[in-house]
Amino acid sequence: MDAGRPAVPAAEDRAESVVDELVEESAGLRACAVIAAGGEVLAATDPNDWAEQAGRLWQAAADPSRPVPAYVHVAIDAGELFAVRSKDATVIAVADRFSLASLVLCDLRAALRRLAPATA
């Protein structure tokens, strides 16, 4: 192992890799982004106001009488909007209309797991 290189890729590198894999492997997925817990867009398929939109989405899904939602799925005119989150990040995506929600959510959750910081 090269002492000058980190053992684990930087968060941005992992996020870029996750975005590339999601677009390539998730059926019907058209665009996506990875957003850090602090609101910084780590990677995205295209420039957009991903962080602002994700914030609005989570705010709309919030219900004080229920636990904080871990995922959201909304049908929109242009397709399907999905978001999943952990304590470290949010992955948000737009998919074709009538995409299989269970499969897209599974792919997004797997992406979150790949983003998780390595533990010692």
N, C-alpha and C. Protein backbone atom coordinates (compact mmCIF):
# COMPACT_ATOMS: atom_id res chain seq x y z
N MET A 1 0.84 -1.17 0.00
CA MET A 1 0.00 0.00 0.00
C MET A 1 0.89 1.23 0.00
N ASP A 2 0.57 2.20 -0.81
CA ASP A 2 1.31 3.45 -0.91
C ASP A 2 0.99 4.32 0.31
N ALA A 3 2.00 4.72 1.06
CA ALA A 3 1.80 5.52 2.26
C ALA A 3 1.24 6.89 1.94
N GLY A 4 1.44 7.38 0.72
CA GLY A 4 0.95 8.69 0.34
C GLY A 4 -0.51 8.70 -0.08
N ARG A 5 -1.12 7.53 -0.21
CA ARG A 5 -2.52 7.46 -0.63
C ARG A 5 -3.38 6.96 0.50
N PRO A 6 -4.58 7.52 0.65
CA PRO A 6 -5.47 7.03 1.70
C PRO A 6 -5.96 5.62 1.39
N ALA A 7 -6.23 4.86 2.44
CA ALA A 7 -6.71 3.49 2.27
C ALA A 7 -8.14 3.48 1.75
N VAL A 8 -8.92 4.49 2.10
CA VAL A 8 -10.32 4.57 1.70
C VAL A 8 -10.48 5.80 0.81
N PRO A 9 -11.15 5.69 -0.34
CA PRO A 9 -11.32 6.85 -1.19
C PRO A 9 -12.08 7.95 -0.47
N ALA A 10 -11.86 9.18 -0.88
CA ALA A 10 -12.56 10.31 -0.29
C ALA A 10 -14.06 10.17 -0.53
N ALA A 11 -14.84 10.85 0.28
CA ALA A 11 -16.29 10.78 0.16
C ALA A 11 -16.76 11.16 -1.24
N GLU A 12 -16.13 12.17 -1.83
CA GLU A 12 -16.53 12.60 -3.17
C GLU A 12 -16.26 11.51 -4.21
N ASP A 13 -15.14 10.82 -4.07
CA ASP A 13 -14.81 9.74 -5.00
C ASP A 13 -15.81 8.60 -4.88
N ARG A 14 -16.16 8.23 -3.66
CA ARG A 14 -17.16 7.18 -3.45
C ARG A 14 -18.50 7.62 -4.02
N ALA A 15 -18.86 8.88 -3.79
CA ALA A 15 -20.14 9.39 -4.29
C ALA A 15 -20.19 9.37 -5.81
N GLU A 16 -19.11 9.79 -6.47
CA GLU A 16 -19.05 9.75 -7.93
C GLU A 16 -19.22 8.32 -8.43
N SER A 17 -18.56 7.40 -7.79
CA SER A 17 -18.66 6.00 -8.17
C SER A 17 -20.09 5.48 -8.00
N VAL A 18 -20.72 5.84 -6.90
CA VAL A 18 -22.09 5.41 -6.63
C VAL A 18 -23.05 5.97 -7.67
N VAL A 19 -22.90 7.24 -8.01
CA VAL A 19 -23.77 7.85 -9.03
C VAL A 19 -23.60 7.13 -10.36
N ASP A 20 -22.36 6.89 -10.76
CA ASP A 20 -22.11 6.19 -12.02
C ASP A 20 -22.75 4.80 -12.02
N GLU A 21 -22.60 4.08 -10.93
CA GLU A 21 -23.16 2.73 -10.84
C GLU A 21 -24.69 2.76 -10.87
N LEU A 22 -25.29 3.71 -10.17
CA LEU A 22 -26.75 3.78 -10.15
C LEU A 22 -27.31 4.01 -11.55
N VAL A 23 -26.74 4.96 -12.28
CA VAL A 23 -27.24 5.26 -13.61
C VAL A 23 -27.04 4.07 -14.55
N GLU A 24 -25.93 3.39 -14.39
CA GLU A 24 -25.64 2.25 -15.27
C GLU A 24 -26.48 1.02 -14.94
N GLU A 25 -26.73 0.78 -13.65
CA GLU A 25 -27.32 -0.49 -13.24
C GLU A 25 -28.79 -0.44 -12.83
N SER A 26 -29.30 0.71 -12.42
CA SER A 26 -30.67 0.78 -11.93
C SER A 26 -31.63 1.03 -13.09
N ALA A 27 -32.50 0.09 -13.34
CA ALA A 27 -33.42 0.17 -14.47
C ALA A 27 -34.32 1.39 -14.37
N GLY A 28 -34.32 2.18 -15.43
CA GLY A 28 -35.21 3.32 -15.50
C GLY A 28 -34.73 4.58 -14.82
N LEU A 29 -33.62 4.51 -14.12
CA LEU A 29 -33.13 5.69 -13.41
C LEU A 29 -32.52 6.67 -14.41
N ARG A 30 -32.97 7.92 -14.37
CA ARG A 30 -32.53 8.92 -15.34
C ARG A 30 -31.51 9.90 -14.78
N ALA A 31 -31.65 10.26 -13.51
CA ALA A 31 -30.76 11.24 -12.91
C ALA A 31 -30.72 11.01 -11.41
N CYS A 32 -29.58 11.34 -10.80
CA CYS A 32 -29.48 11.15 -9.35
C CYS A 32 -28.37 12.02 -8.79
N ALA A 33 -28.37 12.11 -7.47
CA ALA A 33 -27.34 12.86 -6.77
C ALA A 33 -27.13 12.27 -5.38
N VAL A 34 -25.93 12.50 -4.87
CA VAL A 34 -25.58 12.14 -3.50
C VAL A 34 -25.33 13.44 -2.76
N ILE A 35 -26.00 13.59 -1.63
CA ILE A 35 -25.91 14.81 -0.84
C ILE A 35 -25.44 14.45 0.56
N ALA A 36 -24.40 15.14 1.03
CA ALA A 36 -23.88 14.91 2.38
C ALA A 36 -24.90 15.40 3.41
N ALA A 37 -24.76 14.91 4.62
CA ALA A 37 -25.68 15.28 5.69
C ALA A 37 -25.73 16.80 5.90
N GLY A 38 -24.65 17.48 5.62
CA GLY A 38 -24.61 18.93 5.77
C GLY A 38 -25.21 19.70 4.61
N GLY A 39 -25.66 19.00 3.56
CA GLY A 39 -26.30 19.65 2.44
C GLY A 39 -25.42 19.86 1.22
N GLU A 40 -24.18 19.43 1.28
CA GLU A 40 -23.27 19.58 0.14
C GLU A 40 -23.51 18.46 -0.87
N VAL A 41 -23.67 18.84 -2.14
CA VAL A 41 -23.82 17.84 -3.20
C VAL A 41 -22.44 17.25 -3.47
N LEU A 42 -22.30 15.95 -3.19
CA LEU A 42 -21.01 15.27 -3.39
C LEU A 42 -20.83 14.79 -4.82
N ALA A 43 -21.93 14.43 -5.46
CA ALA A 43 -21.88 13.96 -6.85
C ALA A 43 -23.29 14.02 -7.42
N ALA A 44 -23.38 14.26 -8.72
CA ALA A 44 -24.68 14.32 -9.38
C ALA A 44 -24.51 14.01 -10.86
N THR A 45 -25.57 13.52 -11.46
CA THR A 45 -25.52 13.23 -12.89
C THR A 45 -25.58 14.50 -13.72
N ASP A 46 -26.17 15.54 -13.18
CA ASP A 46 -26.27 16.81 -13.89
C ASP A 46 -26.41 17.95 -12.90
N PRO A 47 -26.07 19.16 -13.33
CA PRO A 47 -26.21 20.29 -12.42
C PRO A 47 -27.70 20.55 -12.16
N ASN A 48 -28.02 20.75 -10.93
CA ASN A 48 -29.39 20.97 -10.52
C ASN A 48 -29.34 21.49 -9.09
N ASP A 49 -30.45 21.91 -8.58
CA ASP A 49 -30.50 22.34 -7.18
C ASP A 49 -30.91 21.14 -6.32
N TRP A 50 -30.14 20.06 -6.44
CA TRP A 50 -30.44 18.80 -5.76
C TRP A 50 -30.61 18.96 -4.25
N ALA A 51 -29.71 19.66 -3.61
CA ALA A 51 -29.77 19.79 -2.15
C ALA A 51 -31.02 20.53 -1.72
N GLU A 52 -31.33 21.60 -2.41
CA GLU A 52 -32.54 22.37 -2.07
C GLU A 52 -33.79 21.52 -2.26
N GLN A 53 -33.85 20.82 -3.39
CA GLN A 53 -35.02 19.99 -3.66
C GLN A 53 -35.14 18.84 -2.66
N ALA A 54 -34.03 18.24 -2.30
CA ALA A 54 -34.07 17.16 -1.30
C ALA A 54 -34.55 17.71 0.04
N GLY A 55 -34.07 18.88 0.42
CA GLY A 55 -34.52 19.50 1.66
C GLY A 55 -36.02 19.76 1.66
N ARG A 56 -36.52 20.26 0.55
CA ARG A 56 -37.97 20.50 0.43
C ARG A 56 -38.75 19.20 0.49
N LEU A 57 -38.21 18.16 -0.13
CA LEU A 57 -38.87 16.86 -0.12
C LEU A 57 -38.96 16.30 1.29
N TRP A 58 -37.83 16.32 2.02
CA TRP A 58 -37.84 15.80 3.40
C TRP A 58 -38.74 16.63 4.30
N GLN A 59 -38.76 17.93 4.09
CA GLN A 59 -39.63 18.81 4.89
C GLN A 59 -41.10 18.47 4.63
N ALA A 60 -41.46 18.26 3.37
CA ALA A 60 -42.85 17.92 3.04
C ALA A 60 -43.24 16.56 3.60
N ALA A 61 -42.29 15.65 3.72
CA ALA A 61 -42.58 14.30 4.22
C ALA A 61 -42.63 14.23 5.74
N ALA A 62 -42.13 15.26 6.39
CA ALA A 62 -42.07 15.25 7.86
C ALA A 62 -43.47 15.32 8.47
N ASP A 63 -43.65 14.56 9.52
CA ASP A 63 -44.89 14.57 10.29
C ASP A 63 -44.50 14.45 11.75
N PRO A 64 -44.75 15.50 12.54
CA PRO A 64 -44.30 15.48 13.94
C PRO A 64 -44.83 14.31 14.76
N SER A 65 -45.93 13.73 14.33
CA SER A 65 -46.50 12.62 15.10
C SER A 65 -45.94 11.26 14.68
N ARG A 66 -45.01 11.26 13.72
CA ARG A 66 -44.44 10.00 13.23
C ARG A 66 -42.92 10.06 13.25
N PRO A 67 -42.28 8.91 13.18
CA PRO A 67 -40.81 8.91 13.10
C PRO A 67 -40.33 9.62 11.82
N VAL A 68 -39.11 10.07 11.85
CA VAL A 68 -38.51 10.73 10.69
C VAL A 68 -38.45 9.71 9.54
N PRO A 69 -38.94 10.08 8.35
CA PRO A 69 -38.93 9.11 7.24
C PRO A 69 -37.52 8.82 6.75
N ALA A 70 -37.28 7.57 6.42
CA ALA A 70 -35.98 7.15 5.88
C ALA A 70 -35.98 7.16 4.36
N TYR A 71 -37.18 7.16 3.76
CA TYR A 71 -37.27 7.22 2.31
C TYR A 71 -38.56 7.91 1.90
N VAL A 72 -38.57 8.40 0.66
CA VAL A 72 -39.74 9.04 0.08
C VAL A 72 -39.85 8.60 -1.37
N HIS A 73 -41.07 8.37 -1.82
CA HIS A 73 -41.35 8.05 -3.22
C HIS A 73 -42.55 8.88 -3.63
N VAL A 74 -42.37 9.69 -4.68
CA VAL A 74 -43.44 10.56 -5.16
C VAL A 74 -43.55 10.41 -6.67
N ALA A 75 -44.77 10.24 -7.16
CA ALA A 75 -45.00 10.23 -8.60
C ALA A 75 -45.17 11.68 -9.06
N ILE A 76 -44.44 12.05 -10.10
CA ILE A 76 -44.53 13.39 -10.66
C ILE A 76 -44.83 13.26 -12.16
N ASP A 77 -45.22 14.35 -12.79
CA ASP A 77 -45.56 14.29 -14.21
C ASP A 77 -44.43 13.72 -15.06
N ALA A 78 -43.20 14.07 -14.72
CA ALA A 78 -42.05 13.66 -15.52
C ALA A 78 -41.53 12.27 -15.18
N GLY A 79 -42.06 11.63 -14.16
CA GLY A 79 -41.57 10.31 -13.77
C GLY A 79 -41.81 10.03 -12.30
N GLU A 80 -40.86 9.40 -11.68
CA GLU A 80 -40.94 9.03 -10.27
C GLU A 80 -39.75 9.64 -9.55
N LEU A 81 -39.99 10.18 -8.38
CA LEU A 81 -38.94 10.79 -7.57
C LEU A 81 -38.74 9.93 -6.33
N PHE A 82 -37.49 9.56 -6.07
CA PHE A 82 -37.15 8.73 -4.92
C PHE A 82 -36.04 9.40 -4.12
N ALA A 83 -36.08 9.23 -2.82
CA ALA A 83 -34.99 9.68 -1.97
C ALA A 83 -34.89 8.74 -0.78
N VAL A 84 -33.66 8.42 -0.41
CA VAL A 84 -33.39 7.64 0.80
C VAL A 84 -32.29 8.37 1.56
N ARG A 85 -32.29 8.20 2.87
CA ARG A 85 -31.27 8.88 3.65
C ARG A 85 -30.81 8.05 4.83
N SER A 86 -29.61 8.39 5.25
CA SER A 86 -29.02 7.83 6.47
C SER A 86 -28.53 9.03 7.27
N LYS A 87 -27.84 8.77 8.36
CA LYS A 87 -27.31 9.88 9.15
C LYS A 87 -26.18 10.60 8.41
N ASP A 88 -25.59 9.95 7.41
CA ASP A 88 -24.44 10.50 6.70
C ASP A 88 -24.77 11.15 5.36
N ALA A 89 -25.86 10.71 4.70
CA ALA A 89 -26.09 11.18 3.33
C ALA A 89 -27.53 10.94 2.88
N THR A 90 -27.88 11.60 1.79
CA THR A 90 -29.13 11.37 1.08
C THR A 90 -28.78 11.01 -0.36
N VAL A 91 -29.49 10.04 -0.90
CA VAL A 91 -29.40 9.75 -2.33
C VAL A 91 -30.79 10.05 -2.90
N ILE A 92 -30.83 10.92 -3.90
CA ILE A 92 -32.09 11.32 -4.52
C ILE A 92 -32.01 10.97 -6.00
N ALA A 93 -33.15 10.52 -6.56
CA ALA A 93 -33.13 10.07 -7.96
C ALA A 93 -34.46 10.32 -8.64
N VAL A 94 -34.39 10.51 -9.94
CA VAL A 94 -35.56 10.60 -10.80
C VAL A 94 -35.51 9.39 -11.74
N ALA A 95 -36.63 8.69 -11.80
CA ALA A 95 -36.71 7.49 -12.65
C ALA A 95 -37.88 7.63 -13.61
N ASP A 96 -37.89 6.76 -14.61
CA ASP A 96 -39.00 6.73 -15.56
C ASP A 96 -40.32 6.49 -14.83
N ARG A 97 -41.37 6.97 -15.44
CA ARG A 97 -42.70 6.76 -14.89
C ARG A 97 -42.96 5.26 -14.78
N PHE A 98 -43.57 4.85 -13.70
CA PHE A 98 -43.95 3.47 -13.44
C PHE A 98 -42.75 2.54 -13.26
N SER A 99 -41.61 3.09 -12.84
CA SER A 99 -40.49 2.24 -12.45
C SER A 99 -40.90 1.43 -11.23
N LEU A 100 -40.33 0.27 -11.07
CA LEU A 100 -40.66 -0.56 -9.90
C LEU A 100 -40.04 0.06 -8.65
N ALA A 101 -40.88 0.63 -7.83
CA ALA A 101 -40.42 1.35 -6.65
C ALA A 101 -39.55 0.49 -5.75
N SER A 102 -39.94 -0.74 -5.54
CA SER A 102 -39.18 -1.60 -4.64
C SER A 102 -37.75 -1.80 -5.14
N LEU A 103 -37.58 -1.94 -6.45
CA LEU A 103 -36.24 -2.13 -6.99
C LEU A 103 -35.40 -0.85 -6.93
N VAL A 104 -36.02 0.26 -7.27
CA VAL A 104 -35.28 1.53 -7.21
C VAL A 104 -34.88 1.84 -5.78
N LEU A 105 -35.79 1.67 -4.83
CA LEU A 105 -35.46 1.92 -3.43
C LEU A 105 -34.36 0.97 -2.94
N CYS A 106 -34.41 -0.27 -3.38
CA CYS A 106 -33.36 -1.24 -3.02
C CYS A 106 -32.01 -0.76 -3.55
N ASP A 107 -31.97 -0.30 -4.80
CA ASP A 107 -30.73 0.21 -5.38
C ASP A 107 -30.22 1.44 -4.62
N LEU A 108 -31.12 2.33 -4.25
CA LEU A 108 -30.70 3.54 -3.52
C LEU A 108 -30.19 3.20 -2.12
N ARG A 109 -30.84 2.24 -1.47
CA ARG A 109 -30.35 1.82 -0.14
C ARG A 109 -28.98 1.16 -0.25
N ALA A 110 -28.78 0.37 -1.28
CA ALA A 110 -27.46 -0.24 -1.49
C ALA A 110 -26.42 0.84 -1.73
N ALA A 111 -26.80 1.89 -2.45
CA ALA A 111 -25.89 3.01 -2.69
C ALA A 111 -25.50 3.68 -1.37
N LEU A 112 -26.46 3.86 -0.48
CA LEU A 112 -26.15 4.43 0.84
C LEU A 112 -25.15 3.57 1.61
N ARG A 113 -25.33 2.26 1.51
CA ARG A 113 -24.39 1.36 2.21
C ARG A 113 -22.98 1.48 1.64
N ARG A 114 -22.87 1.64 0.32
CA ARG A 114 -21.55 1.81 -0.29
C ARG A 114 -20.92 3.15 0.09
N LEU A 115 -21.76 4.12 0.42
CA LEU A 115 -21.26 5.44 0.81
C LEU A 115 -20.80 5.50 2.26
N ALA A 116 -21.28 4.58 3.07
CA ALA A 116 -20.99 4.63 4.50
C ALA A 116 -19.49 4.66 4.75
N PRO A 117 -19.06 5.51 5.67
CA PRO A 117 -17.63 5.55 5.98
C PRO A 117 -17.15 4.21 6.51
N ALA A 118 -15.96 3.86 6.14
CA ALA A 118 -15.37 2.60 6.63
C ALA A 118 -15.15 2.70 8.13
N THR A 119 -15.43 1.61 8.83
CA THR A 119 -15.21 1.58 10.27
C THR A 119 -14.00 0.72 10.57
N ALA A 120 -13.34 1.08 11.62
CA ALA A 120 -12.13 0.34 12.00
C ALA A 120 -12.47 -0.89 12.80
